[in-house]
Protein backbone atom coordinates (compact mmCIF):
# COMPACT_ATOMS: atom_id res chain seq x y z
CA MET A 1 21.56 -0.78 -103.40
CA LYS A 2 24.93 0.05 -104.97
CA PHE A 3 27.85 -1.58 -106.74
CA GLN A 4 31.45 -0.50 -107.27
CA LYS A 5 32.51 0.21 -110.85
CA LEU A 6 36.12 0.26 -112.07
CA PHE A 7 36.55 1.94 -115.47
CA SER A 8 39.20 3.57 -117.68
CA ASP A 9 39.00 7.31 -118.31
CA ASP A 10 40.07 8.97 -121.58
CA ALA A 11 43.69 9.19 -120.35
CA GLY A 12 43.82 5.42 -119.65
CA GLU A 13 43.68 5.72 -115.85
CA SER A 14 41.55 3.17 -114.02
CA ARG A 15 39.11 4.90 -111.65
CA TRP A 16 36.42 3.85 -109.16
CA ALA A 17 32.78 5.02 -109.10
CA ASP A 18 29.83 4.04 -106.90
CA ILE A 19 26.78 3.17 -109.01
CA GLU A 20 23.24 3.25 -107.59
CA VAL A 21 21.02 0.39 -108.78
CA ASN A 22 17.57 1.56 -109.86
CA LEU A 23 14.88 -0.73 -108.41
CA VAL A 24 11.22 -0.60 -109.45
CA GLU A 25 8.36 -2.39 -107.70
CA ARG A 26 6.60 -4.83 -110.01
CA SER A 27 5.18 -8.30 -110.36
CA PHE A 28 8.03 -10.77 -110.89
CA ALA A 29 6.71 -14.21 -109.93
CA PRO A 30 2.90 -14.15 -109.81
CA PRO A 31 0.98 -14.86 -107.68
CA ALA A 32 3.69 -13.68 -105.24
CA GLN A 33 3.52 -10.07 -104.10
CA ASN A 34 5.30 -7.35 -106.05
CA ILE A 35 9.02 -7.00 -105.37
CA GLU A 36 11.60 -4.31 -106.02
CA ILE A 37 13.78 -5.38 -108.95
CA SER A 38 16.17 -3.83 -111.46
CA GLU A 39 15.87 -3.95 -115.24
CA PRO A 40 17.29 -7.19 -116.68
CA GLU A 41 20.70 -7.14 -118.40
CA ASP A 42 21.76 -9.49 -121.16
CA VAL A 43 24.82 -11.54 -120.20
CA ARG A 44 27.06 -13.92 -122.09
CA ARG A 45 28.29 -16.36 -119.44
CA MET A 46 28.69 -16.95 -115.71
CA MET A 47 31.54 -18.61 -113.81
CA PHE A 48 32.66 -19.33 -110.27
CA LEU A 49 36.25 -18.50 -109.28
CA ARG A 50 38.59 -19.04 -106.37
CA LEU A 51 41.78 -17.09 -105.63
CA ARG A 52 43.85 -18.83 -102.97
CA ALA A 53 45.03 -16.96 -99.86
CA GLY A 54 48.24 -15.08 -100.69
CA TRP A 55 47.36 -14.72 -104.40
CA ASP A 56 48.84 -11.52 -105.85
CA GLU A 57 48.81 -10.57 -109.52
CA PRO A 58 50.57 -7.97 -111.66
CA ILE A 59 48.62 -4.90 -112.80
CA HIS A 60 46.38 -5.58 -115.80
CA PRO A 61 43.13 -4.41 -117.46
CA THR A 62 40.03 -6.60 -117.29
CA PRO A 63 39.70 -8.89 -120.36
CA VAL A 64 35.96 -8.21 -120.81
CA ARG A 65 33.20 -6.13 -119.24
CA GLN A 66 32.17 -8.23 -116.25
CA ARG A 67 30.59 -8.12 -112.79
CA LEU A 68 31.92 -10.01 -109.77
CA VAL A 69 29.89 -10.92 -106.66
CA CYS A 70 32.07 -11.84 -103.68
CA LEU A 71 30.93 -14.96 -101.83
CA ALA A 72 33.83 -15.37 -99.37
CA GLY A 73 37.17 -13.84 -98.46
CA ALA A 74 38.43 -10.42 -99.55
CA VAL A 75 40.64 -8.78 -102.15
CA ARG A 76 42.29 -5.38 -102.26
CA VAL A 77 42.00 -3.74 -105.68
CA THR A 78 44.08 -0.69 -106.58
CA ALA A 79 43.13 1.38 -109.62
CA SER A 80 45.95 2.94 -111.63
CA ASP A 81 45.02 6.37 -110.19
CA GLY A 82 46.00 4.97 -106.75
CA GLU A 83 42.55 4.61 -105.17
CA THR A 84 42.24 1.30 -103.33
CA ARG A 85 39.06 -0.55 -102.37
CA GLU A 86 38.46 -3.83 -100.60
CA ILE A 87 35.93 -6.25 -102.08
CA ARG A 88 34.39 -8.44 -99.36
CA ARG A 89 31.54 -10.94 -98.97
CA GLY A 90 28.37 -9.48 -100.49
CA ASP A 91 30.15 -6.72 -102.45
CA VAL A 92 29.53 -6.34 -106.18
CA TRP A 93 32.43 -5.13 -108.37
CA HIS A 94 31.77 -4.11 -111.98
CA MET A 95 34.90 -4.12 -114.18
CA GLU A 96 35.08 -2.01 -117.34
CA ASP A 97 38.77 -0.99 -117.42
CA LYS A 98 39.42 -3.04 -120.59
CA SER A 99 42.07 -0.63 -121.86
CA GLY A 100 44.65 1.64 -120.31
CA LYS A 101 46.82 0.96 -117.29
CA GLY A 102 44.54 -1.53 -115.51
CA HIS A 103 44.36 -2.45 -111.82
CA HIS A 104 46.19 -4.57 -109.24
CA THR A 105 44.39 -7.26 -107.21
CA CYS A 106 45.61 -9.28 -104.23
CA VAL A 107 43.87 -11.55 -101.73
CA ILE A 108 43.98 -10.16 -98.19
CA GLY A 109 43.71 -12.27 -95.07
CA ASP A 110 44.17 -16.04 -94.77
CA GLU A 111 40.84 -17.02 -96.36
CA ASP A 112 40.53 -17.90 -100.05
CA PHE A 113 38.55 -15.41 -102.14
CA GLU A 114 35.49 -16.97 -103.81
CA ALA A 115 33.18 -15.22 -106.24
CA VAL A 116 30.71 -15.46 -109.09
CA ILE A 117 31.68 -13.65 -112.29
CA VAL A 118 29.06 -12.63 -114.86
CA GLN A 119 30.44 -11.60 -118.26
CA PHE A 120 28.58 -9.28 -120.58
CA GLU A 121 30.61 -9.82 -123.76
């Protein structure tokens, strides 16, 4: 299992990285069988969001460290270093580029983009 991380390097460029999620088999909901699960992370809040088809924003950094889980639709996200990725249903995007040049996001296709955002700070 992996997620896509967008972060700022020391020069202020936003860059992408693929992060492997470490899963460990353990008892989670006894008496159910053991499952593979990651370590828990403390979070501050969770929200749902919708970006309407055609939505296009100016380049900006993320306001807080947060993780987005795409439920429907797709966006194209371009880091300031020029690398572009598409976030689609089921993808997880971790945003940490709180400083520097930021990233550009636009909805692609004619379907609204819907997601869950989990904020860590």
